[in-house]
């Protein structure tokens, strides 16, 4: 015997639900990728246009190496953490909207 499904479960697996969720997650992905690209492209630009600033020593490193070698990885982790948290929140929000 098959178990009856509730109307909420049917809507939750509908094409409209999935397209809405995918569209919202695409916007989030683009925003996170843009933040990453700003950092990735911004560092060489700052090195090129502000060489004296990037040669400044901070904690034993030049500012250029501090940003590239030390702070780059935490930036990626923060972007990933924001993406995961926001993605889960989007999914929860969509599920709540279907259940209403």
N, C-alpha and C. Protein backbone atom coordinates (compact mmCIF):
# COMPACT_ATOMS: atom_id res chain seq x y z
N UNK A 1 0.83 -1.20 0.00
CA UNK A 1 0.00 0.00 0.00
C UNK A 1 0.86 1.25 0.00
N UNK A 2 0.44 2.20 -0.75
CA UNK A 2 1.17 3.46 -0.76
C UNK A 2 0.59 4.38 0.30
N UNK A 3 1.45 5.17 0.87
CA UNK A 3 1.00 6.11 1.89
C UNK A 3 0.51 7.37 1.21
N UNK A 4 -0.57 7.93 1.71
CA UNK A 4 -1.08 9.15 1.09
C UNK A 4 -0.11 10.31 1.31
N UNK A 5 0.05 11.13 0.31
CA UNK A 5 0.92 12.28 0.43
C UNK A 5 0.06 13.52 0.70
N UNK A 6 0.61 14.40 1.48
CA UNK A 6 -0.11 15.63 1.79
C UNK A 6 0.05 16.61 0.63
N UNK A 7 -0.84 17.58 0.52
CA UNK A 7 -0.71 18.59 -0.54
C UNK A 7 0.61 19.37 -0.43
N UNK A 8 1.11 19.52 0.82
CA UNK A 8 2.38 20.24 1.02
C UNK A 8 3.52 19.49 0.36
N UNK A 9 3.54 18.17 0.50
CA UNK A 9 4.62 17.38 -0.09
C UNK A 9 4.56 17.42 -1.61
N UNK A 10 3.34 17.42 -2.17
CA UNK A 10 3.22 17.50 -3.63
C UNK A 10 3.76 18.83 -4.16
N UNK A 11 3.42 19.92 -3.48
CA UNK A 11 3.91 21.24 -3.92
C UNK A 11 5.41 21.38 -3.69
N UNK A 12 5.92 20.72 -2.64
CA UNK A 12 7.33 20.83 -2.32
C UNK A 12 8.20 20.18 -3.40
N UNK A 13 7.68 19.22 -4.11
CA UNK A 13 8.44 18.54 -5.16
C UNK A 13 7.99 18.98 -6.56
N UNK A 14 7.25 20.06 -6.62
CA UNK A 14 6.76 20.53 -7.92
C UNK A 14 7.87 21.27 -8.67
N UNK A 15 7.65 21.43 -9.96
CA UNK A 15 8.59 22.15 -10.81
C UNK A 15 8.71 23.61 -10.38
N UNK A 16 7.58 24.22 -10.04
CA UNK A 16 7.59 25.63 -9.63
C UNK A 16 8.45 25.83 -8.38
N UNK A 17 8.29 24.96 -7.41
CA UNK A 17 9.08 25.03 -6.17
C UNK A 17 10.57 24.92 -6.49
N UNK A 18 10.94 23.93 -7.30
CA UNK A 18 12.34 23.72 -7.61
C UNK A 18 12.93 24.87 -8.42
N UNK A 19 12.16 25.39 -9.37
CA UNK A 19 12.66 26.52 -10.17
C UNK A 19 12.84 27.77 -9.32
N UNK A 20 11.91 28.02 -8.42
CA UNK A 20 12.04 29.18 -7.54
C UNK A 20 13.26 29.05 -6.65
N UNK A 21 13.44 27.89 -6.06
CA UNK A 21 14.59 27.66 -5.19
C UNK A 21 15.89 27.75 -5.98
N UNK A 22 15.92 27.17 -7.15
CA UNK A 22 17.14 27.21 -7.96
C UNK A 22 17.46 28.63 -8.41
N UNK A 23 16.46 29.42 -8.72
CA UNK A 23 16.68 30.81 -9.13
C UNK A 23 17.26 31.62 -7.97
N UNK A 24 16.72 31.43 -6.77
CA UNK A 24 17.23 32.16 -5.61
C UNK A 24 18.65 31.72 -5.25
N UNK A 25 18.93 30.42 -5.39
CA UNK A 25 20.28 29.94 -5.11
C UNK A 25 21.27 30.39 -6.18
N UNK A 26 20.81 30.54 -7.41
CA UNK A 26 21.68 31.07 -8.46
C UNK A 26 22.08 32.51 -8.14
N UNK A 27 21.13 33.32 -7.70
CA UNK A 27 21.45 34.70 -7.32
C UNK A 27 22.47 34.72 -6.18
N UNK A 28 22.30 33.84 -5.20
CA UNK A 28 23.24 33.75 -4.10
C UNK A 28 24.62 33.31 -4.60
N UNK A 29 24.65 32.34 -5.49
CA UNK A 29 25.92 31.86 -6.05
C UNK A 29 26.64 32.98 -6.81
N UNK A 30 25.90 33.74 -7.58
CA UNK A 30 26.50 34.84 -8.34
C UNK A 30 27.06 35.90 -7.39
N UNK A 31 26.33 36.20 -6.32
CA UNK A 31 26.81 37.19 -5.35
C UNK A 31 28.09 36.71 -4.67
N UNK A 32 28.13 35.44 -4.28
CA UNK A 32 29.33 34.90 -3.63
C UNK A 32 30.50 34.85 -4.61
N UNK A 33 30.25 34.47 -5.85
CA UNK A 33 31.31 34.44 -6.86
C UNK A 33 31.83 35.85 -7.13
N UNK A 34 30.93 36.82 -7.15
CA UNK A 34 31.35 38.21 -7.38
C UNK A 34 32.24 38.69 -6.24
N UNK A 35 31.88 38.36 -5.00
CA UNK A 35 32.71 38.75 -3.85
C UNK A 35 34.09 38.11 -3.96
N UNK A 36 34.16 36.86 -4.35
CA UNK A 36 35.43 36.18 -4.52
C UNK A 36 36.25 36.83 -5.64
N UNK A 37 35.60 37.12 -6.76
CA UNK A 37 36.31 37.70 -7.90
C UNK A 37 36.83 39.11 -7.60
N UNK A 38 36.09 39.86 -6.79
CA UNK A 38 36.57 41.19 -6.40
C UNK A 38 37.90 41.05 -5.66
N UNK A 39 37.96 40.10 -4.73
CA UNK A 39 39.21 39.87 -4.02
C UNK A 39 40.30 39.33 -4.92
N UNK A 40 39.95 38.42 -5.80
CA UNK A 40 40.92 37.79 -6.68
C UNK A 40 41.50 38.78 -7.69
N UNK A 41 40.66 39.61 -8.24
CA UNK A 41 41.11 40.58 -9.24
C UNK A 41 41.63 41.85 -8.56
N UNK A 42 41.08 42.17 -7.42
CA UNK A 42 41.47 43.39 -6.72
C UNK A 42 42.90 43.38 -6.22
N UNK A 43 43.38 42.24 -5.77
CA UNK A 43 44.74 42.18 -5.23
C UNK A 43 45.81 42.53 -6.28
N UNK A 44 45.78 41.94 -7.47
CA UNK A 44 46.77 42.36 -8.47
C UNK A 44 46.63 43.83 -8.87
N UNK A 45 45.40 44.31 -8.91
CA UNK A 45 45.20 45.72 -9.26
C UNK A 45 45.78 46.65 -8.20
N UNK A 46 45.56 46.30 -6.95
CA UNK A 46 46.15 47.11 -5.87
C UNK A 46 47.66 47.03 -5.93
N UNK A 47 48.22 45.84 -6.19
CA UNK A 47 49.67 45.70 -6.33
C UNK A 47 50.21 46.58 -7.45
N UNK A 48 49.49 46.65 -8.54
CA UNK A 48 49.94 47.42 -9.70
C UNK A 48 49.84 48.93 -9.45
N UNK A 49 48.69 49.36 -8.90
CA UNK A 49 48.45 50.80 -8.76
C UNK A 49 48.98 51.39 -7.45
N UNK A 50 49.21 50.56 -6.45
CA UNK A 50 49.70 51.05 -5.15
C UNK A 50 50.89 50.21 -4.66
N UNK A 51 51.98 50.18 -5.42
CA UNK A 51 53.10 49.31 -5.02
C UNK A 51 53.74 49.71 -3.69
N UNK A 52 53.78 51.00 -3.40
CA UNK A 52 54.38 51.44 -2.13
C UNK A 52 53.53 50.97 -0.95
N UNK A 53 52.22 51.08 -1.09
CA UNK A 53 51.32 50.61 -0.02
C UNK A 53 51.46 49.11 0.19
N UNK A 54 51.51 48.36 -0.89
CA UNK A 54 51.59 46.90 -0.78
C UNK A 54 52.95 46.43 -0.30
N UNK A 55 53.98 47.29 -0.38
CA UNK A 55 55.31 46.94 0.13
C UNK A 55 55.44 47.23 1.62
N UNK A 56 54.44 47.85 2.21
CA UNK A 56 54.46 48.15 3.64
C UNK A 56 54.52 46.85 4.45
N UNK A 57 55.35 46.84 5.47
CA UNK A 57 55.48 45.64 6.30
C UNK A 57 54.45 45.64 7.42
N UNK A 58 53.76 44.50 7.56
CA UNK A 58 52.77 44.31 8.60
C UNK A 58 53.01 42.92 9.19
N UNK A 59 53.31 42.88 10.48
CA UNK A 59 53.54 41.62 11.19
C UNK A 59 54.61 40.77 10.50
N UNK A 60 55.64 41.40 9.98
CA UNK A 60 56.74 40.68 9.35
C UNK A 60 56.53 40.34 7.89
N UNK A 61 55.35 40.60 7.36
CA UNK A 61 55.05 40.33 5.96
C UNK A 61 54.87 41.65 5.24
N UNK A 62 55.11 41.64 3.92
CA UNK A 62 54.66 42.81 3.16
C UNK A 62 53.14 42.70 3.10
N UNK A 63 52.48 43.81 2.95
CA UNK A 63 51.02 43.81 2.91
C UNK A 63 50.51 42.92 1.77
N UNK A 64 51.23 42.92 0.68
CA UNK A 64 50.85 42.07 -0.46
C UNK A 64 50.82 40.59 -0.06
N UNK A 65 51.86 40.11 0.58
CA UNK A 65 51.91 38.70 0.98
C UNK A 65 50.96 38.41 2.14
N UNK A 66 50.75 39.36 2.98
CA UNK A 66 49.79 39.16 4.07
C UNK A 66 48.39 38.94 3.50
N UNK A 67 48.01 39.77 2.54
CA UNK A 67 46.70 39.62 1.93
C UNK A 67 46.60 38.33 1.12
N UNK A 68 47.63 38.02 0.35
CA UNK A 68 47.61 36.86 -0.52
C UNK A 68 47.79 35.55 0.25
N UNK A 69 48.79 35.50 1.10
CA UNK A 69 49.15 34.24 1.75
C UNK A 69 48.43 33.95 3.04
N UNK A 70 47.97 34.98 3.71
CA UNK A 70 47.36 34.76 5.02
C UNK A 70 45.85 35.04 5.01
N UNK A 71 45.44 36.14 4.47
CA UNK A 71 44.04 36.54 4.55
C UNK A 71 43.17 36.02 3.42
N UNK A 72 43.77 35.48 2.37
CA UNK A 72 43.00 34.97 1.25
C UNK A 72 42.16 33.76 1.67
N UNK A 73 42.75 32.86 2.42
CA UNK A 73 42.02 31.65 2.82
C UNK A 73 40.86 31.94 3.77
N UNK A 74 41.04 32.80 4.78
CA UNK A 74 39.87 33.14 5.59
C UNK A 74 38.76 33.81 4.78
N UNK A 75 39.13 34.59 3.77
CA UNK A 75 38.11 35.21 2.91
C UNK A 75 37.29 34.14 2.21
N UNK A 76 37.95 33.13 1.68
CA UNK A 76 37.25 32.04 0.99
C UNK A 76 36.36 31.28 1.98
N UNK A 77 36.87 31.03 3.18
CA UNK A 77 36.07 30.33 4.19
C UNK A 77 34.84 31.14 4.59
N UNK A 78 35.00 32.45 4.73
CA UNK A 78 33.86 33.30 5.10
C UNK A 78 32.82 33.30 3.99
N UNK A 79 33.26 33.41 2.75
CA UNK A 79 32.32 33.39 1.63
C UNK A 79 31.59 32.06 1.59
N UNK A 80 32.31 30.95 1.79
CA UNK A 80 31.69 29.62 1.79
C UNK A 80 30.70 29.49 2.95
N UNK A 81 31.07 29.98 4.12
CA UNK A 81 30.19 29.91 5.30
C UNK A 81 28.91 30.70 5.05
N UNK A 82 29.05 31.90 4.50
CA UNK A 82 27.88 32.72 4.19
C UNK A 82 27.01 32.01 3.16
N UNK A 83 27.63 31.44 2.13
CA UNK A 83 26.86 30.74 1.10
C UNK A 83 26.07 29.57 1.70
N UNK A 84 26.71 28.77 2.51
CA UNK A 84 26.03 27.60 3.09
C UNK A 84 24.90 28.03 4.00
N UNK A 85 25.15 28.98 4.89
CA UNK A 85 24.10 29.45 5.81
C UNK A 85 22.93 30.05 5.05
N UNK A 86 23.23 30.89 4.07
CA UNK A 86 22.17 31.56 3.31
C UNK A 86 21.41 30.55 2.44
N UNK A 87 22.12 29.57 1.89
CA UNK A 87 21.47 28.55 1.07
C UNK A 87 20.49 27.72 1.90
N UNK A 88 20.91 27.35 3.09
CA UNK A 88 20.01 26.61 3.99
C UNK A 88 18.81 27.46 4.36
N UNK A 89 19.04 28.74 4.62
CA UNK A 89 17.93 29.64 4.95
C UNK A 89 16.96 29.78 3.78
N UNK A 90 17.49 29.82 2.56
CA UNK A 90 16.62 29.89 1.37
C UNK A 90 15.75 28.65 1.26
N UNK A 91 16.36 27.49 1.48
CA UNK A 91 15.59 26.25 1.41
C UNK A 91 14.51 26.21 2.48
N UNK A 92 14.87 26.60 3.69
CA UNK A 92 13.88 26.62 4.78
C UNK A 92 12.75 27.60 4.48
N UNK A 93 13.10 28.76 3.93
CA UNK A 93 12.10 29.76 3.58
C UNK A 93 11.14 29.24 2.51
N UNK A 94 11.68 28.55 1.52
CA UNK A 94 10.83 27.99 0.47
C UNK A 94 9.90 26.91 1.04
N UNK A 95 10.40 26.07 1.92
CA UNK A 95 9.57 25.03 2.52
C UNK A 95 8.46 25.66 3.34
N UNK A 96 8.79 26.71 4.11
CA UNK A 96 7.78 27.41 4.90
C UNK A 96 6.71 28.04 4.01
N UNK A 97 7.13 28.60 2.88
CA UNK A 97 6.16 29.24 1.99
C UNK A 97 5.23 28.20 1.36
N UNK A 98 5.73 27.00 1.13
CA UNK A 98 4.87 25.93 0.58
C UNK A 98 3.88 25.45 1.62
N UNK A 99 4.29 25.40 2.87
CA UNK A 99 3.42 24.90 3.93
C UNK A 99 2.34 25.89 4.33
N UNK A 100 2.48 27.15 3.92
CA UNK A 100 1.46 28.15 4.27
C UNK A 100 0.23 28.00 3.45
